Amino acid sequence: MATLEQIISEARKLSPGERRNLREGLDSEFEQPTPVHSRSIESAWVDQDRDEYLGQWVAVEGNRLIAHGANPRQVYLSAREAGISVPFIVRVQKREEAFMGGWL
């Protein structure tokens, strides 16, 4: 098996186009797809339980309330202590009615 130094030495002998292809191939080989989390479940939870937590900050994971309170930093820290690396935190406000423009 070739050592890393040998592989690098061989790669230096490649043409610029071949090096570009090698780089693209290696990049795609080790690319980590970023998981997409829509947070639609958490948003639905906030919509459903809005009246109970009006004016408070809430941390929600899935359909479960993790923490709530007036201090967003404390809510964040509580969610992190619960083991959530990227908590969904939002301030619960009154549902806004859609604006209907028109002539008066």
Protein backbone atom coordinates (compact mmCIF):
# COMPACT_ATOMS: atom_id res chain seq x y z
CA MET A 1 0.00 0.00 0.00
CA ALA A 2 1.24 3.46 -0.88
CA THR A 3 2.03 5.99 1.82
CA LEU A 4 0.40 9.38 1.90
CA GLU A 5 3.64 11.00 0.76
CA GLN A 6 3.77 8.68 -2.27
CA ILE A 7 0.18 9.48 -3.18
CA ILE A 8 0.86 13.22 -2.96
CA SER A 9 4.00 12.83 -5.03
CA GLU A 10 2.03 11.01 -7.74
CA ALA A 11 -0.75 13.60 -7.61
CA ARG A 12 1.79 16.37 -8.27
CA LYS A 13 2.67 14.67 -11.55
CA LEU A 14 -0.90 15.01 -12.83
CA SER A 15 -1.95 17.66 -15.31
CA PRO A 16 -4.03 20.59 -13.97
CA GLY A 17 -7.20 19.03 -15.40
CA GLU A 18 -6.46 15.67 -13.82
CA ARG A 19 -5.75 17.35 -10.46
CA ARG A 20 -9.07 19.14 -10.67
CA ASN A 21 -10.82 15.83 -11.37
CA LEU A 22 -8.97 14.22 -8.46
CA ARG A 23 -9.99 17.05 -6.12
CA GLU A 24 -13.63 16.87 -7.23
CA GLY A 25 -13.62 13.11 -6.82
CA LEU A 26 -12.18 13.32 -3.31
CA ASP A 27 -14.54 16.13 -2.33
CA SER A 28 -17.58 14.15 -3.43
CA GLU A 29 -16.25 11.01 -1.73
CA PHE A 30 -16.04 12.69 1.67
CA GLU A 31 -18.93 15.13 1.35
CA GLN A 32 -21.32 14.89 4.28
CA PRO A 33 -24.91 15.66 3.33
CA THR A 34 -26.45 18.25 5.59
CA PRO A 35 -29.60 16.90 7.16
CA VAL A 36 -32.61 19.08 6.54
CA HIS A 37 -34.97 19.47 9.43
CA SER A 38 -38.04 21.48 8.48
CA ARG A 39 -39.21 22.05 12.07
CA SER A 40 -42.81 21.77 10.87
CA ILE A 41 -43.66 19.54 13.85
CA GLU A 42 -42.27 22.12 16.28
CA SER A 43 -44.11 24.95 14.50
CA ALA A 44 -47.36 22.99 14.68
CA TRP A 45 -46.82 22.45 18.41
CA VAL A 46 -46.36 26.21 18.94
CA ASP A 47 -49.52 26.96 16.93
CA GLN A 48 -51.53 24.42 18.92
CA ASP A 49 -50.33 25.48 22.39
CA ARG A 50 -49.85 29.18 21.67
CA ASP A 51 -52.38 30.52 24.19
CA GLU A 52 -50.76 28.76 27.15
CA TYR A 53 -47.29 30.25 26.50
CA LEU A 54 -48.06 33.74 25.11
CA GLY A 55 -45.18 36.14 25.70
CA GLN A 56 -42.76 33.38 26.71
CA TRP A 57 -39.81 31.80 24.96
CA VAL A 58 -40.21 28.08 24.32
CA ALA A 59 -37.79 25.35 23.29
CA VAL A 60 -39.55 22.55 21.45
CA GLU A 61 -38.16 19.29 20.07
CA GLY A 62 -40.58 17.34 17.92
CA ASN A 63 -43.94 17.58 19.67
CA ARG A 64 -42.39 17.94 23.13
CA LEU A 65 -41.87 21.11 25.15
CA ILE A 66 -38.32 21.15 26.51
CA ALA A 67 -38.22 24.50 28.34
CA HIS A 68 -40.06 27.80 28.56
CA GLY A 69 -39.70 31.14 30.28
CA ALA A 70 -39.13 34.88 29.93
CA ASN A 71 -35.34 34.62 29.47
CA PRO A 72 -34.36 33.26 26.02
CA ARG A 73 -30.80 32.51 27.13
CA GLN A 74 -32.00 30.38 30.02
CA VAL A 75 -34.44 28.54 27.75
CA TYR A 76 -31.58 27.87 25.33
CA LEU A 77 -29.26 26.64 28.09
CA SER A 78 -32.00 24.38 29.46
CA ALA A 79 -32.51 22.85 26.03
CA ARG A 80 -28.76 22.29 25.66
CA GLU A 81 -28.64 20.66 29.11
CA ALA A 82 -31.44 18.36 27.91
CA GLY A 83 -29.08 17.16 25.19
CA ILE A 84 -30.43 19.10 22.23
CA SER A 85 -27.54 20.44 20.16
CA VAL A 86 -29.62 22.77 17.94
CA PRO A 87 -32.78 23.68 19.84
CA PHE A 88 -35.84 25.19 18.19
CA ILE A 89 -36.52 28.31 20.25
CA VAL A 90 -39.19 30.87 19.52
CA ARG A 91 -41.02 33.63 21.36
CA VAL A 92 -44.72 32.83 21.39
CA GLN A 93 -46.80 35.74 20.20
CA LYS A 94 -50.42 36.30 19.30
CA ARG A 95 -51.38 34.86 15.96
CA GLU A 96 -51.43 37.70 13.49
CA GLU A 97 -54.41 38.02 11.22
CA ALA A 98 -53.66 38.29 7.54
CA PHE A 99 -53.80 41.84 6.24
CA MET A 100 -56.67 42.38 3.85
CA GLY A 101 -56.02 45.54 1.89
CA GLY A 102 -58.78 47.29 0.02
CA TRP A 103 -60.85 50.38 -0.34
CA LEU A 104 -62.59 51.77 2.68
